Amino acid sequence: MKRMLIVEDDAAAAFGMVQFFTTKGYKVDHASSLDQATFWLRRRKYVAVFTDWALRPGGCEGEEVVRLARGRFPDIPVVVIAGGTGPSLRARALAAGANEVLAKPVALPALLAWLPEPPKSPSPTGPQARQGSRKKTP
């Protein structure tokens, strides 16, 4: 199963993102702090990381999340989602290794462009599936 990491300290925003991507067929881990993100980045393999830039209480801990993610997974998309996306923040995020910086609120369907296709749902197999698909003849 394809797994992503969402690093977001706003519980409502994180919940919406987790729900959205789960319904699209992805496994999602959520971290609300740099410490939690570090924990997950050291233990799991991801196809993408979406991170807030200003994590509480430190402020710009998203920069460290980007560096950690990029160091561990050099070939996956790492996207920063920030409340403000001025030239200075954008330059810092890209220098840290982010692929893109997007302004909040972000349209969640737009984030799908950064992800590989989710796995297809397995088609039913086995005797029960075959029996259920047979047409009954009178």
C-alpha atoms as a PDB file:
ATOM      1  CA  MET A   1       0.000   0.000   0.000  1.00  0.00           C
ATOM      2  CA  LYS A   2       1.303   3.466  -0.833  1.00  0.00           C
ATOM      3  CA  ARG A   3       1.909   5.507   2.303  1.00  0.00           C
ATOM      4  CA  MET A   4       2.356   9.240   2.818  1.00  0.00           C
ATOM      5  CA  LEU A   5       3.230  11.426   5.765  1.00  0.00           C
ATOM      6  CA  ILE A   6       1.257  14.547   6.638  1.00  0.00           C
ATOM      7  CA  VAL A   7       2.912  16.911   9.108  1.00  0.00           C
ATOM      8  CA  GLU A   8       0.318  19.406  10.311  1.00  0.00           C
ATOM      9  CA  ASP A   9      -0.248  20.853  13.787  1.00  0.00           C
ATOM     10  CA  ASP A  10      -3.790  22.084  13.102  1.00  0.00           C
ATOM     11  CA  ALA A  11      -5.986  19.134  14.101  1.00  0.00           C
ATOM     12  CA  ALA A  12      -8.914  20.046  11.832  1.00  0.00           C
ATOM     13  CA  ALA A  13      -6.704  20.525   8.775  1.00  0.00           C
ATOM     14  CA  ALA A  14      -4.845  17.289   9.485  1.00  0.00           C
ATOM     15  CA  PHE A  15      -8.100  15.357   9.939  1.00  0.00           C
ATOM     16  CA  GLY A  16      -9.432  16.619   6.600  1.00  0.00           C
ATOM     17  CA  MET A  17      -6.234  15.672   4.778  1.00  0.00           C
ATOM     18  CA  VAL A  18      -6.050  12.220   6.357  1.00  0.00           C
ATOM     19  CA  GLN A  19      -9.696  11.510   5.496  1.00  0.00           C
ATOM     20  CA  PHE A  20      -9.322  12.776   1.917  1.00  0.00           C
ATOM     21  CA  PHE A  21      -6.234  10.711   1.088  1.00  0.00           C
ATOM     22  CA  THR A  22      -7.524   7.610   2.861  1.00  0.00           C
ATOM     23  CA  THR A  23     -10.657   7.641   0.701  1.00  0.00           C
ATOM     24  CA  LYS A  24      -8.379   7.881  -2.346  1.00  0.00           C
ATOM     25  CA  GLY A  25      -6.663   4.603  -1.397  1.00  0.00           C
ATOM     26  CA  TYR A  26      -3.530   5.806   0.397  1.00  0.00           C
ATOM     27  CA  LYS A  27      -2.236   4.887   3.833  1.00  0.00           C
ATOM     28  CA  VAL A  28      -1.574   8.044   5.811  1.00  0.00           C
ATOM     29  CA  ASP A  29       0.577   8.730   8.839  1.00  0.00           C
ATOM     30  CA  HIS A  30       0.055  12.027  10.651  1.00  0.00           C
ATOM     31  CA  ALA A  31       2.553  13.936  12.761  1.00  0.00           C
ATOM     32  CA  SER A  32       1.741  17.166  14.569  1.00  0.00           C
ATOM     33  CA  SER A  33       5.306  18.065  15.600  1.00  0.00           C
ATOM     34  CA  LEU A  34       8.894  17.802  14.500  1.00  0.00           C
ATOM     35  CA  ASP A  35       9.476  15.039  17.056  1.00  0.00           C
ATOM     36  CA  GLN A  36       6.591  12.959  15.705  1.00  0.00           C
ATOM     37  CA  ALA A  37       7.648  13.568  12.100  1.00  0.00           C
ATOM     38  CA  THR A  38      11.183  12.449  12.946  1.00  0.00           C
ATOM     39  CA  PHE A  39       9.800   9.295  14.558  1.00  0.00           C
ATOM     40  CA  TRP A  40       7.792   8.353  11.442  1.00  0.00           C
ATOM     41  CA  LEU A  41      10.460   9.359   8.930  1.00  0.00           C
ATOM     42  CA  ARG A  42      12.923   7.007  10.616  1.00  0.00           C
ATOM     43  CA  ARG A  43      10.532   4.049  10.668  1.00  0.00           C
ATOM     44  CA  ARG A  44       8.472   4.055   7.498  1.00  0.00           C
ATOM     45  CA  LYS A  45       8.886   4.389   3.753  1.00  0.00           C
ATOM     46  CA  TYR A  46       6.811   7.102   2.073  1.00  0.00           C
ATOM     47  CA  VAL A  47       5.782   8.030  -1.454  1.00  0.00           C
ATOM     48  CA  ALA A  48       5.288  11.703  -0.458  1.00  0.00           C
ATOM     49  CA  VAL A  49       5.520  14.100   2.468  1.00  0.00           C
ATOM     50  CA  PHE A  50       3.232  17.105   2.893  1.00  0.00           C
ATOM     51  CA  THR A  51       4.302  19.420   5.697  1.00  0.00           C
ATOM     52  CA  ASP A  52       3.191  22.625   7.315  1.00  0.00           C
ATOM     53  CA  TRP A  53       6.003  25.163   7.577  1.00  0.00           C
ATOM     54  CA  ALA A  54       5.206  26.772  10.924  1.00  0.00           C
ATOM     55  CA  LEU A  55       4.719  23.953  13.411  1.00  0.00           C
ATOM     56  CA  ARG A  56       4.004  24.975  16.989  1.00  0.00           C
ATOM     57  CA  PRO A  57       5.714  25.753  19.275  1.00  0.00           C
ATOM     58  CA  GLY A  58       8.957  26.326  17.336  1.00  0.00           C
ATOM     59  CA  GLY A  59       7.592  28.218  14.355  1.00  0.00           C
ATOM     60  CA  CYS A  60       9.650  27.116  11.343  1.00  0.00           C
ATOM     61  CA  GLU A  61      10.171  23.463  12.178  1.00  0.00           C
ATOM     62  CA  GLY A  62       8.772  22.555   8.769  1.00  0.00           C
ATOM     63  CA  GLU A  63      12.179  23.433   7.369  1.00  0.00           C
ATOM     64  CA  GLU A  64      13.731  20.646   9.439  1.00  0.00           C
ATOM     65  CA  VAL A  65      10.972  18.234   8.369  1.00  0.00           C
ATOM     66  CA  VAL A  66      11.831  18.997   4.735  1.00  0.00           C
ATOM     67  CA  ARG A  67      15.542  18.387   5.361  1.00  0.00           C
ATOM     68  CA  LEU A  68      14.880  15.098   7.154  1.00  0.00           C
ATOM     69  CA  ALA A  69      12.446  13.864   4.504  1.00  0.00           C
ATOM     70  CA  ARG A  70      14.737  14.838   1.647  1.00  0.00           C
ATOM     71  CA  GLY A  71      17.738  13.205   3.319  1.00  0.00           C
ATOM     72  CA  ARG A  72      15.882   9.937   3.874  1.00  0.00           C
ATOM     73  CA  PHE A  73      13.911   9.894   0.609  1.00  0.00           C
ATOM     74  CA  PRO A  74      15.770  11.838  -2.092  1.00  0.00           C
ATOM     75  CA  ASP A  75      13.337  10.923  -4.879  1.00  0.00           C
ATOM     76  CA  ILE A  76       9.887  11.542  -3.383  1.00  0.00           C
ATOM     77  CA  PRO A  77       7.841  14.742  -3.501  1.00  0.00           C
ATOM     78  CA  VAL A  78       8.156  16.907  -0.399  1.00  0.00           C
ATOM     79  CA  VAL A  79       5.586  19.703  -0.472  1.00  0.00           C
ATOM     80  CA  VAL A  80       5.340  22.565   2.008  1.00  0.00           C
ATOM     81  CA  ILE A  81       1.883  23.923   2.778  1.00  0.00           C
ATOM     82  CA  ALA A  82       2.146  27.297   4.506  1.00  0.00           C
ATOM     83  CA  GLY A  83      -0.046  30.105   5.746  1.00  0.00           C
ATOM     84  CA  GLY A  84       2.131  32.610   3.926  1.00  0.00           C
ATOM     85  CA  THR A  85       4.212  31.883   0.856  1.00  0.00           C
ATOM     86  CA  GLY A  86       6.363  34.959   0.365  1.00  0.00           C
ATOM     87  CA  PRO A  87       9.601  34.854  -1.606  1.00  0.00           C
ATOM     88  CA  SER A  88      11.755  34.395   1.506  1.00  0.00           C
ATOM     89  CA  LEU A  89       9.810  31.371   2.780  1.00  0.00           C
ATOM     90  CA  ARG A  90       9.703  29.879  -0.715  1.00  0.00           C
ATOM     91  CA  ALA A  91      13.466  30.304  -1.144  1.00  0.00           C
ATOM     92  CA  ARG A  92      14.176  28.698   2.257  1.00  0.00           C
ATOM     93  CA  ALA A  93      11.823  25.784   1.619  1.00  0.00           C
ATOM     94  CA  LEU A  94      13.251  25.065  -1.833  1.00  0.00           C
ATOM     95  CA  ALA A  95      16.814  25.368  -0.491  1.00  0.00           C
ATOM     96  CA  ALA A  96      15.916  22.821   2.219  1.00  0.00           C
ATOM     97  CA  GLY A  97      14.774  20.391  -0.487  1.00  0.00           C
ATOM     98  CA  ALA A  98      11.053  21.006  -0.967  1.00  0.00           C
ATOM     99  CA  ASN A  99       9.626  20.403  -4.419  1.00  0.00           C
ATOM    100  CA  GLU A 100       6.921  23.036  -4.020  1.00  0.00           C
ATOM    101  CA  VAL A 101       5.431  25.544  -1.595  1.00  0.00           C
ATOM    102  CA  LEU A 102       1.650  25.950  -1.598  1.00  0.00           C
ATOM    103  CA  ALA A 103      -0.474  28.509   0.226  1.00  0.00           C
ATOM    104  CA  LYS A 104      -3.167  27.555   2.721  1.00  0.00           C
ATOM    105  CA  PRO A 105      -5.920  26.784   2.253  1.00  0.00           C
ATOM    106  CA  VAL A 106      -4.886  24.270  -0.371  1.00  0.00           C
ATOM    107  CA  ALA A 107      -7.340  22.429  -2.605  1.00  0.00           C
ATOM    108  CA  LEU A 108      -6.736  18.812  -1.621  1.00  0.00           C
ATOM    109  CA  PRO A 109      -7.437  17.392  -5.111  1.00  0.00           C
ATOM    110  CA  ALA A 110      -4.520  19.505  -6.394  1.00  0.00           C
ATOM    111  CA  LEU A 111      -2.175  17.546  -4.101  1.00  0.00           C
ATOM    112  CA  LEU A 112      -3.005  14.331  -5.937  1.00  0.00           C
ATOM    113  CA  ALA A 113      -0.768  15.508  -8.798  1.00  0.00           C
ATOM    114  CA  TRP A 114       2.233  14.970  -6.481  1.00  0.00           C
ATOM    115  CA  LEU A 115       1.332  11.364  -5.730  1.00  0.00           C
ATOM    116  CA  PRO A 116       1.748   8.106  -7.593  1.00  0.00           C
ATOM    117  CA  GLU A 117      -1.500   6.376  -8.451  1.00  0.00           C
ATOM    118  CA  PRO A 118      -2.998   4.617  -5.447  1.00  0.00           C
ATOM    119  CA  PRO A 119      -3.142   0.843  -5.593  1.00  0.00           C
ATOM    120  CA  LYS A 120      -6.161  -0.544  -7.356  1.00  0.00           C
ATOM    121  CA  SER A 121      -8.740  -2.223  -5.183  1.00  0.00           C
ATOM    122  CA  PRO A 122      -8.378  -5.969  -5.528  1.00  0.00           C
ATOM    123  CA  SER A 123     -11.072  -7.528  -7.620  1.00  0.00           C
ATOM    124  CA  PRO A 124     -13.121 -10.205  -5.885  1.00  0.00           C
ATOM    125  CA  THR A 125     -11.788 -13.677  -6.480  1.00  0.00           C
ATOM    126  CA  GLY A 126     -12.488 -17.104  -5.193  1.00  0.00           C
ATOM    127  CA  PRO A 127     -15.552 -19.326  -5.336  1.00  0.00           C
ATOM    128  CA  GLN A 128     -17.898 -16.862  -3.626  1.00  0.00           C
ATOM    129  CA  ALA A 129     -17.079 -14.104  -6.083  1.00  0.00           C
ATOM    130  CA  ARG A 130     -17.540 -16.408  -9.052  1.00  0.00           C
ATOM    131  CA  GLN A 131     -20.807 -17.773  -7.726  1.00  0.00           C
ATOM    132  CA  GLY A 132     -22.155 -14.313  -7.098  1.00  0.00           C
ATOM    133  CA  SER A 133     -21.372 -13.241 -10.634  1.00  0.00           C
ATOM    134  CA  ARG A 134     -23.119 -16.146 -12.340  1.00  0.00           C
ATOM    135  CA  LYS A 135     -26.356 -15.472 -14.091  1.00  0.00           C
ATOM    136  CA  LYS A 136     -29.193 -17.644 -13.005  1.00  0.00           C
ATOM    137  CA  THR A 137     -30.968 -19.478 -15.722  1.00  0.00           C
ATOM    138  CA  PRO A 138     -34.630 -20.292 -15.360  1.00  0.00           C
END
